PDB file of N, CA and C in Angstrom:
ATOM      1  N   MET A   1     128.205 -35.619 248.206  1.00  0.00           N
ATOM      2  CA  MET A   1     129.116 -34.671 247.465  1.00  0.00           C
ATOM      3  C   MET A   1     129.225 -33.516 248.401  1.00  0.00           C
ATOM      4  N   ASP A   2     127.669 -33.059 248.143  1.00  0.00           N
ATOM      5  CA  ASP A   2     127.603 -31.558 248.864  1.00  0.00           C
ATOM      6  C   ASP A   2     128.235 -31.652 250.026  1.00  0.00           C
ATOM      7  N   SER A   3     128.164 -32.668 251.173  1.00  0.00           N
ATOM      8  CA  SER A   3     128.648 -32.574 252.601  1.00  0.00           C
ATOM      9  C   SER A   3     130.184 -32.447 252.665  1.00  0.00           C
ATOM     10  N   LYS A   4     130.694 -32.672 251.872  1.00  0.00           N
ATOM     11  CA  LYS A   4     132.218 -32.793 251.213  1.00  0.00           C
ATOM     12  C   LYS A   4     132.702 -31.784 250.879  1.00  0.00           C
ATOM     13  N   GLY A   5     131.894 -30.555 250.240  1.00  0.00           N
ATOM     14  CA  GLY A   5     132.292 -29.615 249.713  1.00  0.00           C
ATOM     15  C   GLY A   5     132.527 -29.245 248.239  1.00  0.00           C
ATOM     16  N   PHE A   6     131.673 -30.555 247.618  1.00  0.00           N
ATOM     17  CA  PHE A   6     132.182 -30.404 246.166  1.00  0.00           C
ATOM     18  C   PHE A   6     130.583 -30.558 245.295  1.00  0.00           C
ATOM     19  N   LEU A   7     130.930 -30.308 244.435  1.00  0.00           N
ATOM     20  CA  LEU A   7     129.578 -30.168 243.089  1.00  0.00           C
ATOM     21  C   LEU A   7     130.307 -31.493 241.922  1.00  0.00           C
ATOM     22  N   LEU A   8     128.731 -32.191 241.765  1.00  0.00           N
ATOM     23  CA  LEU A   8     128.822 -33.485 241.215  1.00  0.00           C
ATOM     24  C   LEU A   8     128.810 -33.105 239.275  1.00  0.00           C
ATOM     25  N   GLY A   9     129.678 -33.361 238.717  1.00  0.00           N
ATOM     26  CA  GLY A   9     129.506 -33.077 237.190  1.00  0.00           C
ATOM     27  C   GLY A   9     129.089 -34.117 236.364  1.00  0.00           C
ATOM     28  N   ASP A  10     130.051 -34.283 235.552  1.00  0.00           N
ATOM     29  CA  ASP A  10     129.032 -35.253 234.514  1.00  0.00           C
ATOM     30  C   ASP A  10     130.015 -36.801 234.415  1.00  0.00           C
ATOM     31  N   TYR A  11     129.227 -37.312 234.195  1.00  0.00           N
ATOM     32  CA  TYR A  11     129.240 -39.249 234.011  1.00  0.00           C
ATOM     33  C   TYR A  11     130.484 -39.351 233.084  1.00  0.00           C
ATOM     34  N   ILE A  12     131.882 -40.007 233.556  1.00  0.00           N
ATOM     35  CA  ILE A  12     133.129 -40.033 232.766  1.00  0.00           C
ATOM     36  C   ILE A  12     132.969 -41.485 232.255  1.00  0.00           C
ATOM     37  N   GLY A  13     132.555 -42.346 232.954  1.00  0.00           N
ATOM     38  CA  GLY A  13     132.397 -43.887 232.402  1.00  0.00           C
ATOM     39  C   GLY A  13     132.239 -44.216 233.892  1.00  0.00           C
ATOM     40  N   GLY A  14     132.566 -45.896 233.515  1.00  0.00           N
ATOM     41  CA  GLY A  14     132.349 -46.914 234.560  1.00  0.00           C
ATOM     42  C   GLY A  14     132.443 -48.695 233.982  1.00  0.00           C
ATOM     43  N   GLY A  15     132.837 -49.333 235.020  1.00  0.00           N
ATOM     44  CA  GLY A  15     132.714 -50.456 235.065  1.00  0.00           C
ATOM     45  C   GLY A  15     132.004 -51.645 235.772  1.00  0.00           C
ATOM     46  N   LYS A  16     132.463 -52.854 236.019  1.00  0.00           N
ATOM     47  CA  LYS A  16     131.974 -53.410 237.065  1.00  0.00           C
ATOM     48  C   LYS A  16     132.319 -53.240 238.117  1.00  0.00           C
ATOM     49  N   HIS A  17     133.386 -52.501 238.834  1.00  0.00           N
ATOM     50  CA  HIS A  17     133.653 -51.950 239.829  1.00  0.00           C
ATOM     51  C   HIS A  17     133.113 -50.507 240.317  1.00  0.00           C
ATOM     52  N   GLY A  18     131.815 -49.853 239.574  1.00  0.00           N
ATOM     53  CA  GLY A  18     131.532 -48.664 239.694  1.00  0.00           C
ATOM     54  C   GLY A  18     131.730 -47.481 238.821  1.00  0.00           C
ATOM     55  N   ALA A  19     130.777 -46.649 239.428  1.00  0.00           N
ATOM     56  CA  ALA A  19     130.769 -45.408 237.924  1.00  0.00           C
ATOM     57  C   ALA A  19     132.020 -44.342 238.323  1.00  0.00           C
ATOM     58  N   VAL A  20     132.214 -43.457 237.358  1.00  0.00           N
ATOM     59  CA  VAL A  20     133.398 -42.238 237.732  1.00  0.00           C
ATOM     60  C   VAL A  20     132.534 -41.011 237.259  1.00  0.00           C
ATOM     61  N   TYR A  21     132.685 -39.800 238.135  1.00  0.00           N
ATOM     62  CA  TYR A  21     132.062 -38.707 237.967  1.00  0.00           C
ATOM     63  C   TYR A  21     133.122 -38.011 237.952  1.00  0.00           C
ATOM     64  N   ASN A  22     133.064 -36.766 237.176  1.00  0.00           N
ATOM     65  CA  ASN A  22     133.537 -35.443 237.345  1.00  0.00           C
ATOM     66  C   ASN A  22     132.979 -34.540 239.107  1.00  0.00           C
ATOM     67  N   ILE A  23     133.883 -34.564 239.634  1.00  0.00           N
ATOM     68  CA  ILE A  23     133.608 -33.467 240.476  1.00  0.00           C
ATOM     69  C   ILE A  23     134.910 -32.035 240.984  1.00  0.00           C
ATOM     70  N   GLN A  24     133.836 -31.129 241.133  1.00  0.00           N
ATOM     71  CA  GLN A  24     134.604 -29.955 241.692  1.00  0.00           C
ATOM     72  C   GLN A  24     134.349 -29.103 242.964  1.00  0.00           C
ATOM     73  N   ARG A  25     135.574 -29.009 243.498  1.00  0.00           N
ATOM     74  CA  ARG A  25     135.695 -28.675 245.065  1.00  0.00           C
ATOM     75  C   ARG A  25     135.084 -26.828 244.903  1.00  0.00           C
ATOM     76  N   LYS A  26     133.932 -26.772 245.456  1.00  0.00           N
ATOM     77  CA  LYS A  26     133.696 -25.298 245.555  1.00  0.00           C
ATOM     78  C   LYS A  26     134.046 -24.303 245.951  1.00  0.00           C
ATOM     79  N   LYS A  27     134.896 -24.717 246.977  1.00  0.00           N
ATOM     80  CA  LYS A  27     136.264 -23.394 247.606  1.00  0.00           C
ATOM     81  C   LYS A  27     137.263 -24.067 246.604  1.00  0.00           C
ATOM     82  N   GLY A  28     137.566 -22.749 245.422  1.00  0.00           N
ATOM     83  CA  GLY A  28     139.166 -23.271 244.815  1.00  0.00           C
ATOM     84  C   GLY A  28     138.695 -23.843 243.126  1.00  0.00           C
ATOM     85  N   GLY A  29     137.912 -24.693 243.217  1.00  0.00           N
ATOM     86  CA  GLY A  29     137.623 -25.162 242.046  1.00  0.00           C
ATOM     87  C   GLY A  29     138.226 -26.251 241.618  1.00  0.00           C
ATOM     88  N   GLN A  30     139.212 -27.056 242.680  1.00  0.00           N
ATOM     89  CA  GLN A  30     139.955 -27.952 242.209  1.00  0.00           C
ATOM     90  C   GLN A  30     138.776 -29.048 241.603  1.00  0.00           C
ATOM     91  N   ARG A  31     139.707 -29.790 240.410  1.00  0.00           N
ATOM     92  CA  ARG A  31     138.796 -30.806 239.614  1.00  0.00           C
ATOM     93  C   ARG A  31     139.291 -32.288 239.826  1.00  0.00           C
ATOM     94  N   LEU A  32     138.268 -33.018 240.235  1.00  0.00           N
ATOM     95  CA  LEU A  32     138.861 -34.184 240.637  1.00  0.00           C
ATOM     96  C   LEU A  32     137.802 -35.248 240.170  1.00  0.00           C
ATOM     97  N   ALA A  33     138.186 -36.616 240.393  1.00  0.00           N
ATOM     98  CA  ALA A  33     137.051 -37.741 240.363  1.00  0.00           C
ATOM     99  C   ALA A  33     136.548 -38.295 241.304  1.00  0.00           C
ATOM    100  N   ALA A  34     135.415 -38.537 241.360  1.00  0.00           N
ATOM    101  CA  ALA A  34     134.651 -39.099 242.176  1.00  0.00           C
ATOM    102  C   ALA A  34     134.256 -40.929 241.846  1.00  0.00           C
ATOM    103  N   LYS A  35     134.379 -41.647 242.699  1.00  0.00           N
ATOM    104  CA  LYS A  35     133.975 -43.267 242.264  1.00  0.00           C
ATOM    105  C   LYS A  35     132.779 -43.546 243.203  1.00  0.00           C
ATOM    106  N   ILE A  36     131.927 -44.446 242.412  1.00  0.00           N
ATOM    107  CA  ILE A  36     130.431 -44.416 243.041  1.00  0.00           C
ATOM    108  C   ILE A  36     130.768 -46.113 242.959  1.00  0.00           C
ATOM    109  N   ILE A  37     130.746 -47.294 244.317  1.00  0.00           N
ATOM    110  CA  ILE A  37     130.808 -48.632 244.061  1.00  0.00           C
ATOM    111  C   ILE A  37     129.636 -49.070 244.719  1.00  0.00           C
ATOM    112  N   TYR A  38     128.433 -49.470 244.003  1.00  0.00           N
ATOM    113  CA  TYR A  38     127.250 -50.228 244.531  1.00  0.00           C
ATOM    114  C   TYR A  38     127.640 -51.445 244.472  1.00  0.00           C
ATOM    115  N   PRO A  39     127.228 -51.551 246.119  1.00  0.00           N
ATOM    116  CA  PRO A  39     127.024 -53.705 246.003  1.00  0.00           C
ATOM    117  C   PRO A  39     126.527 -54.156 244.955  1.00  0.00           C
ATOM    118  N   ASP A  40     126.935 -55.386 243.974  1.00  0.00           N
ATOM    119  CA  ASP A  40     126.252 -56.095 243.108  1.00  0.00           C
ATOM    120  C   ASP A  40     127.197 -57.240 242.948  1.00  0.00           C
ATOM    121  N   PRO A  41     126.416 -58.517 243.497  1.00  0.00           N
ATOM    122  CA  PRO A  41     127.175 -59.440 243.712  1.00  0.00           C
ATOM    123  C   PRO A  41     127.029 -60.064 242.211  1.00  0.00           C
ATOM    124  N   LYS A  42     126.571 -59.746 241.319  1.00  0.00           N
ATOM    125  CA  LYS A  42     126.039 -60.412 240.121  1.00  0.00           C
ATOM    126  C   LYS A  42     127.788 -59.484 239.452  1.00  0.00           C
ATOM    127  N   LYS A  43     127.821 -58.378 239.492  1.00  0.00           N
ATOM    128  CA  LYS A  43     128.854 -58.239 238.452  1.00  0.00           C
ATOM    129  C   LYS A  43     130.501 -58.261 239.851  1.00  0.00           C
ATOM    130  N   GLY A  44     130.061 -58.700 240.979  1.00  0.00           N
ATOM    131  CA  GLY A  44     131.688 -58.692 241.721  1.00  0.00           C
ATOM    132  C   GLY A  44     131.775 -57.786 241.891  1.00  0.00           C
ATOM    133  N   SER A  45     131.184 -56.796 242.405  1.00  0.00           N
ATOM    134  CA  SER A  45     131.576 -55.407 242.637  1.00  0.00           C
ATOM    135  C   SER A  45     131.185 -55.487 244.387  1.00  0.00           C
ATOM    136  N   ASP A  46     132.193 -55.002 245.274  1.00  0.00           N
ATOM    137  CA  ASP A  46     132.540 -55.241 246.610  1.00  0.00           C
ATOM    138  C   ASP A  46     132.667 -53.870 247.139  1.00  0.00           C
ATOM    139  N   PRO A  47     131.886 -53.032 247.597  1.00  0.00           N
ATOM    140  CA  PRO A  47     132.615 -51.771 247.902  1.00  0.00           C
ATOM    141  C   PRO A  47     133.647 -51.462 249.188  1.00  0.00           C
ATOM    142  N   GLU A  48     133.382 -52.450 249.763  1.00  0.00           N
ATOM    143  CA  GLU A  48     134.221 -52.549 250.950  1.00  0.00           C
ATOM    144  C   GLU A  48     135.754 -52.537 250.539  1.00  0.00           C
ATOM    145  N   LYS A  49     135.849 -54.020 249.688  1.00  0.00           N
ATOM    146  CA  LYS A  49     137.148 -54.011 249.128  1.00  0.00           C
ATOM    147  C   LYS A  49     137.763 -53.020 248.583  1.00  0.00           C
ATOM    148  N   GLU A  50     136.654 -52.567 247.703  1.00  0.00           N
ATOM    149  CA  GLU A  50     137.271 -51.387 246.908  1.00  0.00           C
ATOM    150  C   GLU A  50     137.935 -50.047 247.559  1.00  0.00           C
ATOM    151  N   THR A  51     136.672 -49.847 248.560  1.00  0.00           N
ATOM    152  CA  THR A  51     137.771 -48.798 249.546  1.00  0.00           C
ATOM    153  C   THR A  51     138.656 -49.258 250.172  1.00  0.00           C
ATOM    154  N   LYS A  52     139.023 -50.315 250.437  1.00  0.00           N
ATOM    155  CA  LYS A  52     140.268 -50.238 251.481  1.00  0.00           C
ATOM    156  C   LYS A  52     141.295 -50.720 250.389  1.00  0.00           C
ATOM    157  N   ASN A  53     141.405 -51.050 248.709  1.00  0.00           N
ATOM    158  CA  ASN A  53     142.199 -50.780 248.178  1.00  0.00           C
ATOM    159  C   ASN A  53     143.156 -49.605 247.921  1.00  0.00           C
ATOM    160  N   TYR A  54     141.863 -48.522 247.920  1.00  0.00           N
ATOM    161  CA  TYR A  54     141.983 -47.073 247.430  1.00  0.00           C
ATOM    162  C   TYR A  54     142.065 -46.757 248.628  1.00  0.00           C
ATOM    163  N   LYS A  55     142.399 -47.252 250.140  1.00  0.00           N
ATOM    164  CA  LYS A  55     142.886 -46.501 251.426  1.00  0.00           C
ATOM    165  C   LYS A  55     144.183 -46.656 251.171  1.00  0.00           C
ATOM    166  N   PHE A  56     144.849 -47.673 250.809  1.00  0.00           N
ATOM    167  CA  PHE A  56     146.060 -48.339 251.146  1.00  0.00           C
ATOM    168  C   PHE A  56     146.801 -47.575 249.844  1.00  0.00           C
ATOM    169  N   MET A  57     146.025 -47.068 248.779  1.00  0.00           N
ATOM    170  CA  MET A  57     146.838 -46.165 248.044  1.00  0.00           C
ATOM    171  C   MET A  57     146.675 -44.452 248.350  1.00  0.00           C
ATOM    172  N   GLN A  58     145.915 -44.375 249.235  1.00  0.00           N
ATOM    173  CA  GLN A  58     145.857 -43.041 249.738  1.00  0.00           C
ATOM    174  C   GLN A  58     146.859 -42.951 250.775  1.00  0.00           C
ATOM    175  N   ASP A  59     147.319 -43.981 251.636  1.00  0.00           N
ATOM    176  CA  ASP A  59     147.839 -44.027 252.848  1.00  0.00           C
ATOM    177  C   ASP A  59     149.522 -44.172 252.606  1.00  0.00           C
ATOM    178  N   THR A  60     149.997 -44.647 251.190  1.00  0.00           N
ATOM    179  CA  THR A  60     150.985 -45.041 250.700  1.00  0.00           C
ATOM    180  C   THR A  60     151.660 -44.143 250.312  1.00  0.00           C
ATOM    181  N   GLY A  61     150.671 -43.429 249.325  1.00  0.00           N
ATOM    182  CA  GLY A  61     151.569 -41.980 248.465  1.00  0.00           C
ATOM    183  C   GLY A  61     151.802 -42.430 247.233  1.00  0.00           C
ATOM    184  N   SER A  62     151.831 -43.902 246.858  1.00  0.00           N
ATOM    185  CA  SER A  62     152.689 -44.490 245.828  1.00  0.00           C
ATOM    186  C   SER A  62     151.985 -43.685 244.462  1.00  0.00           C
ATOM    187  N   LYS A  63     153.302 -43.166 243.606  1.00  0.00           N
ATOM    188  CA  LYS A  63     153.301 -42.418 242.557  1.00  0.00           C
ATOM    189  C   LYS A  63     153.021 -43.215 241.186  1.00  0.00           C
ATOM    190  N   LEU A  64     152.692 -44.433 241.284  1.00  0.00           N
ATOM    191  CA  LEU A  64     152.396 -45.258 240.288  1.00  0.00           C
ATOM    192  C   LEU A  64     150.466 -45.054 240.211  1.00  0.00           C
ATOM    193  N   PHE A  65     149.771 -44.673 240.878  1.00  0.00           N
ATOM    194  CA  PHE A  65     148.391 -44.676 241.308  1.00  0.00           C
ATOM    195  C   PHE A  65     147.604 -43.432 241.326  1.00  0.00           C
ATOM    196  N   PRO A  66     146.896 -42.812 240.817  1.00  0.00           N
ATOM    197  CA  PRO A  66     146.198 -41.743 241.200  1.00  0.00           C
ATOM    198  C   PRO A  66     146.419 -41.427 242.553  1.00  0.00           C
ATOM    199  N   LYS A  67     146.373 -39.953 242.595  1.00  0.00           N
ATOM    200  CA  LYS A  67     146.356 -39.355 244.093  1.00  0.00           C
ATOM    201  C   LYS A  67     144.533 -40.058 244.706  1.00  0.00           C
ATOM    202  N   VAL A  68     144.792 -40.664 245.677  1.00  0.00           N
ATOM    203  CA  VAL A  68     143.209 -40.240 246.256  1.00  0.00           C
ATOM    204  C   VAL A  68     143.234 -39.574 247.645  1.00  0.00           C
ATOM    205  N   TYR A  69     142.153 -38.860 247.828  1.00  0.00           N
ATOM    206  CA  TYR A  69     141.516 -37.692 248.734  1.00  0.00           C
ATOM    207  C   TYR A  69     140.943 -38.513 250.034  1.00  0.00           C
ATOM    208  N   PHE A  70     139.894 -39.229 249.416  1.00  0.00           N
ATOM    209  CA  PHE A  70     138.871 -40.040 250.599  1.00  0.00           C
ATOM    210  C   PHE A  70     138.605 -41.102 249.756  1.00  0.00           C
ATOM    211  N   SER A  71     138.261 -42.328 250.652  1.00  0.00           N
ATOM    212  CA  SER A  71     138.038 -43.782 250.318  1.00  0.00           C
ATOM    213  C   SER A  71     137.158 -44.338 251.599  1.00  0.00           C
ATOM    214  N   GLU A  72     135.893 -44.404 251.322  1.00  0.00           N
ATOM    215  CA  GLU A  72     135.017 -44.914 252.634  1.00  0.00           C
ATOM    216  C   GLU A  72     133.809 -45.492 251.887  1.00  0.00           C
ATOM    217  N   VAL A  73     133.058 -46.374 252.748  1.00  0.00           N
ATOM    218  CA  VAL A  73     131.774 -47.203 252.370  1.00  0.00           C
ATOM    219  C   VAL A  73     130.966 -45.596 253.080  1.00  0.00           C
ATOM    220  N   VAL A  74     130.116 -45.319 252.424  1.00  0.00           N
ATOM    221  CA  VAL A  74     128.924 -43.905 253.087  1.00  0.00           C
ATOM    222  C   VAL A  74     127.232 -44.655 252.494  1.00  0.00           C
ATOM    223  N   ASP A  75     126.336 -43.986 253.164  1.00  0.00           N
ATOM    224  CA  ASP A  75     125.071 -44.167 252.541  1.00  0.00           C
ATOM    225  C   ASP A  75     125.087 -43.212 251.244  1.00  0.00           C
ATOM    226  N   VAL A  76     124.681 -43.437 250.452  1.00  0.00           N
ATOM    227  CA  VAL A  76     124.088 -42.939 249.512  1.00  0.00           C
ATOM    228  C   VAL A  76     122.550 -43.152 248.607  1.00  0.00           C
ATOM    229  N   PRO A  77     122.501 -41.895 248.032  1.00  0.00           N
ATOM    230  CA  PRO A  77     120.967 -42.501 247.592  1.00  0.00           C
ATOM    231  C   PRO A  77     121.036 -43.409 246.285  1.00  0.00           C
ATOM    232  N   VAL A  78     119.995 -44.760 246.289  1.00  0.00           N
ATOM    233  CA  VAL A  78     119.965 -45.637 245.714  1.00  0.00           C
ATOM    234  C   VAL A  78     119.607 -44.931 244.079  1.00  0.00           C
ATOM    235  N   PRO A  79     120.319 -45.213 243.280  1.00  0.00           N
ATOM    236  CA  PRO A  79     120.659 -45.172 241.622  1.00  0.00           C
ATOM    237  C   PRO A  79     118.776 -45.089 241.382  1.00  0.00           C
ATOM    238  N   GLY A  80     118.400 -43.923 240.860  1.00  0.00           N
ATOM    239  CA  GLY A  80     117.167 -43.402 240.364  1.00  0.00           C
ATOM    240  C   GLY A  80     116.156 -42.687 241.130  1.00  0.00           C
ATOM    241  N   GLN A  81     116.821 -42.637 242.936  1.00  0.00           N
ATOM    242  CA  GLN A  81     116.149 -42.205 243.573  1.00  0.00           C
ATOM    243  C   GLN A  81     116.691 -40.520 243.906  1.00  0.00           C
ATOM    244  N   PRO A  82     115.664 -39.602 244.480  1.00  0.00           N
ATOM    245  CA  PRO A  82     115.935 -38.485 245.124  1.00  0.00           C
ATOM    246  C   PRO A  82     117.097 -38.221 246.066  1.00  0.00           C
ATOM    247  N   ILE A  83     117.654 -37.179 246.143  1.00  0.00           N
ATOM    248  CA  ILE A  83     118.492 -37.045 247.551  1.00  0.00           C
ATOM    249  C   ILE A  83     117.972 -37.562 248.562  1.00  0.00           C
ATOM    250  N   GLY A  84     116.757 -37.237 248.800  1.00  0.00           N
ATOM    251  CA  GLY A  84     115.999 -37.579 250.155  1.00  0.00           C
ATOM    252  C   GLY A  84     115.306 -38.897 250.075  1.00  0.00           C
ATOM    253  N   GLY A  85     115.739 -39.748 248.950  1.00  0.00           N
ATOM    254  CA  GLY A  85     114.814 -41.024 249.065  1.00  0.00           C
ATOM    255  C   GLY A  85     115.584 -42.345 249.624  1.00  0.00           C
ATOM    256  N   GLN A  86     115.535 -43.502 248.989  1.00  0.00           N
ATOM    257  CA  GLN A  86     115.735 -44.622 249.584  1.00  0.00           C
ATOM    258  C   GLN A  86     117.379 -44.726 249.528  1.00  0.00           C
ATOM    259  N   ILE A  87     118.121 -44.690 250.687  1.00  0.00           N
ATOM    260  CA  ILE A  87     119.602 -45.287 250.551  1.00  0.00           C
ATOM    261  C   ILE A  87     120.410 -46.328 250.640  1.00  0.00           C
ATOM    262  N   THR A  88     121.637 -46.719 250.381  1.00  0.00           N
ATOM    263  CA  THR A  88     122.281 -47.663 250.621  1.00  0.00           C
ATOM    264  C   THR A  88     123.971 -47.623 250.415  1.00  0.00           C
ATOM    265  N   PRO A  89     124.762 -48.246 251.173  1.00  0.00           N
ATOM    266  CA  PRO A  89     125.685 -48.135 251.417  1.00  0.00           C
ATOM    267  C   PRO A  89     126.406 -48.548 250.149  1.00  0.00           C
ATOM    268  N   ALA A  90     127.469 -47.226 249.987  1.00  0.00           N
ATOM    269  CA  ALA A  90     128.441 -47.859 248.489  1.00  0.00           C
ATOM    270  C   ALA A  90     129.724 -47.292 248.937  1.00  0.00           C
ATOM    271  N   GLY A  91     130.460 -47.683 248.445  1.00  0.00           N
ATOM    272  CA  GLY A  91     131.922 -47.129 248.595  1.00  0.00           C
ATOM    273  C   GLY A  91     131.881 -45.796 247.694  1.00  0.00           C
ATOM    274  N   VAL A  92     132.221 -44.959 248.290  1.00  0.00           N
ATOM    275  CA  VAL A  92     132.784 -43.224 247.717  1.00  0.00           C
ATOM    276  C   VAL A  92     134.133 -43.522 247.517  1.00  0.00           C
ATOM    277  N   ILE A  93     134.992 -42.689 246.488  1.00  0.00           N
ATOM    278  CA  ILE A  93     136.453 -42.756 246.274  1.00  0.00           C
ATOM    279  C   ILE A  93     136.620 -41.358 245.420  1.00  0.00           C
ATOM    280  N   PHE A  94     136.951 -40.209 246.256  1.00  0.00           N
ATOM    281  CA  PHE A  94     137.774 -39.023 245.637  1.00  0.00           C
ATOM    282  C   PHE A  94     139.050 -39.084 245.215  1.00  0.00           C
ATOM    283  N   MET A  95     139.410 -38.951 243.930  1.00  0.00           N
ATOM    284  CA  MET A  95     140.722 -39.216 243.602  1.00  0.00           C
ATOM    285  C   MET A  95     141.176 -38.009 242.461  1.00  0.00           C
ATOM    286  N   GLU A  96     142.468 -38.063 242.044  1.00  0.00           N
ATOM    287  CA  GLU A  96     142.816 -37.169 241.042  1.00  0.00           C
ATOM    288  C   GLU A  96     142.402 -38.074 239.821  1.00  0.00           C
ATOM    289  N   GLN A  97     141.929 -36.751 239.098  1.00  0.00           N
ATOM    290  CA  GLN A  97     141.685 -37.044 237.657  1.00  0.00           C
ATOM    291  C   GLN A  97     142.669 -37.151 236.189  1.00  0.00           C
ATOM    292  N   LEU A  98     142.894 -38.246 236.092  1.00  0.00           N
ATOM    293  CA  LEU A  98     143.617 -38.245 235.230  1.00  0.00           C
ATOM    294  C   LEU A  98     143.409 -38.132 233.825  1.00  0.00           C
ATOM    295  N   GLU A  99     144.526 -37.689 232.610  1.00  0.00           N
ATOM    296  CA  GLU A  99     143.853 -37.553 231.403  1.00  0.00           C
ATOM    297  C   GLU A  99     144.275 -38.839 230.756  1.00  0.00           C
ATOM    298  N   PRO A 100     143.123 -39.091 229.673  1.00  0.00           N
ATOM    299  CA  PRO A 100     143.126 -40.420 228.868  1.00  0.00           C
ATOM    300  C   PRO A 100     144.330 -40.282 228.179  1.00  0.00           C
ATOM    301  N   LEU A 101     144.686 -41.259 227.493  1.00  0.00           N
ATOM    302  CA  LEU A 101     146.006 -41.787 226.667  1.00  0.00           C
ATOM    303  C   LEU A 101     145.828 -41.383 225.588  1.00  0.00           C
ATOM    304  N   PRO A 102     146.916 -40.703 224.328  1.00  0.00           N
ATOM    305  CA  PRO A 102     146.681 -40.657 223.710  1.00  0.00           C
ATOM    306  C   PRO A 102     146.562 -41.999 222.499  1.00  0.00           C
ATOM    307  N   GLU A 103     145.520 -41.933 221.759  1.00  0.00           N
ATOM    308  CA  GLU A 103     145.052 -42.601 220.237  1.00  0.00           C
ATOM    309  C   GLU A 103     146.196 -43.592 220.250  1.00  0.00           C
ATOM    310  N   ASP A 104     147.464 -43.086 219.949  1.00  0.00           N
ATOM    311  CA  ASP A 104     148.232 -43.558 218.909  1.00  0.00           C
ATOM    312  C   ASP A 104     149.372 -44.553 219.861  1.00  0.00           C
ATOM    313  N   LEU A 105     149.223 -43.913 221.041  1.00  0.00           N
ATOM    314  CA  LEU A 105     150.025 -44.629 222.638  1.00  0.00           C
ATOM    315  C   LEU A 105     149.378 -45.623 222.749  1.00  0.00           C
ATOM    316  N   VAL A 106     148.046 -45.692 222.896  1.00  0.00           N
ATOM    317  CA  VAL A 106     146.766 -46.484 223.482  1.00  0.00           C
ATOM    318  C   VAL A 106     147.348 -48.242 222.605  1.00  0.00           C
ATOM    319  N   ARG A 107     147.389 -47.802 221.189  1.00  0.00           N
ATOM    320  CA  ARG A 107     147.700 -48.773 219.798  1.00  0.00           C
ATOM    321  C   ARG A 107     149.204 -49.142 220.032  1.00  0.00           C
ATOM    322  N   LYS A 108     150.104 -48.606 220.293  1.00  0.00           N
ATOM    323  CA  LYS A 108     150.804 -49.089 220.400  1.00  0.00           C
ATOM    324  C   LYS A 108     151.437 -49.898 221.790  1.00  0.00           C
ATOM    325  N   LEU A 109     150.711 -49.614 222.827  1.00  0.00           N
ATOM    326  CA  LEU A 109     150.694 -50.095 224.162  1.00  0.00           C
ATOM    327  C   LEU A 109     149.999 -51.499 224.050  1.00  0.00           C
ATOM    328  N   PHE A 110     148.665 -51.414 223.573  1.00  0.00           N
ATOM    329  CA  PHE A 110     147.603 -52.871 223.508  1.00  0.00           C
ATOM    330  C   PHE A 110     147.437 -53.097 222.563  1.00  0.00           C
ATOM    331  N   VAL A 111     148.385 -53.567 221.387  1.00  0.00           N
ATOM    332  CA  VAL A 111     147.923 -53.778 220.509  1.00  0.00           C
ATOM    333  C   VAL A 111     147.430 -55.234 220.072  1.00  0.00           C
ATOM    334  N   SER A 112     148.070 -55.784 220.809  1.00  0.00           N
ATOM    335  CA  SER A 112     147.502 -57.592 221.156  1.00  0.00           C
ATOM    336  C   SER A 112     145.966 -57.481 222.101  1.00  0.00           C
ATOM    337  N   SER A 113     145.856 -56.595 222.750  1.00  0.00           N
ATOM    338  CA  SER A 113     144.489 -57.236 223.541  1.00  0.00           C
ATOM    339  C   SER A 113     143.724 -56.549 223.448  1.00  0.00           C
ATOM    340  N   GLY A 114     143.679 -56.621 221.555  1.00  0.00           N
ATOM    341  CA  GLY A 114     141.962 -56.242 221.097  1.00  0.00           C
ATOM    342  C   GLY A 114     141.971 -54.721 221.306  1.00  0.00           C
ATOM    343  N   TYR A 115     142.694 -53.862 221.018  1.00  0.00           N
ATOM    344  CA  TYR A 115     142.035 -52.607 220.707  1.00  0.00           C
ATOM    345  C   TYR A 115     140.959 -51.801 219.947  1.00  0.00           C
ATOM    346  N   ARG A 116     140.120 -51.136 220.828  1.00  0.00           N
ATOM    347  CA  ARG A 116     139.421 -50.311 219.857  1.00  0.00           C
ATOM    348  C   ARG A 116     139.489 -48.689 219.641  1.00  0.00           C
ATOM    349  N   LYS A 117     139.018 -48.276 218.941  1.00  0.00           N
ATOM    350  CA  LYS A 117     139.323 -46.773 219.021  1.00  0.00           C
ATOM    351  C   LYS A 117     138.449 -46.394 219.708  1.00  0.00           C
ATOM    352  N   GLY A 118     138.697 -45.297 220.873  1.00  0.00           N
ATOM    353  CA  GLY A 118     137.955 -44.509 221.852  1.00  0.00           C
ATOM    354  C   GLY A 118     138.344 -45.346 223.026  1.00  0.00           C
ATOM    355  N   SER A 119     139.099 -46.471 223.219  1.00  0.00           N
ATOM    356  CA  SER A 119     138.918 -47.190 224.567  1.00  0.00           C
ATOM    357  C   SER A 119     140.029 -46.497 225.266  1.00  0.00           C
ATOM    358  N   ALA A 120     140.599 -45.611 224.916  1.00  0.00           N
ATOM    359  CA  ALA A 120     141.684 -45.054 226.111  1.00  0.00           C
ATOM    360  C   ALA A 120     141.086 -44.491 227.500  1.00  0.00           C
TER     361      ALA A 120
END
């Protein structure tokens, strides 16, 4: 993050395809989201595949998806390691940070999919 001119912020959330964090550009203060995808065959997470998908979104500029600014597999510290510790290749994606949907809209849209409060 630092080498790209960003400060790492809070953990937003995640799932089987990685973890998402708030990031902020050092110059200008632009706020984005960073998705980190570590390889994990048990979860089915594949950094190469995910970065290719996001690279496609970056290249096409589709309005249906968040704007993607960076999508590559790079060496990052293994979870739990210090910055200078053991590294591993992982997918890193910088993208527009979207706002969560309002709870009432989520209930209307996903009523049959097992809606849970706070799932937006």
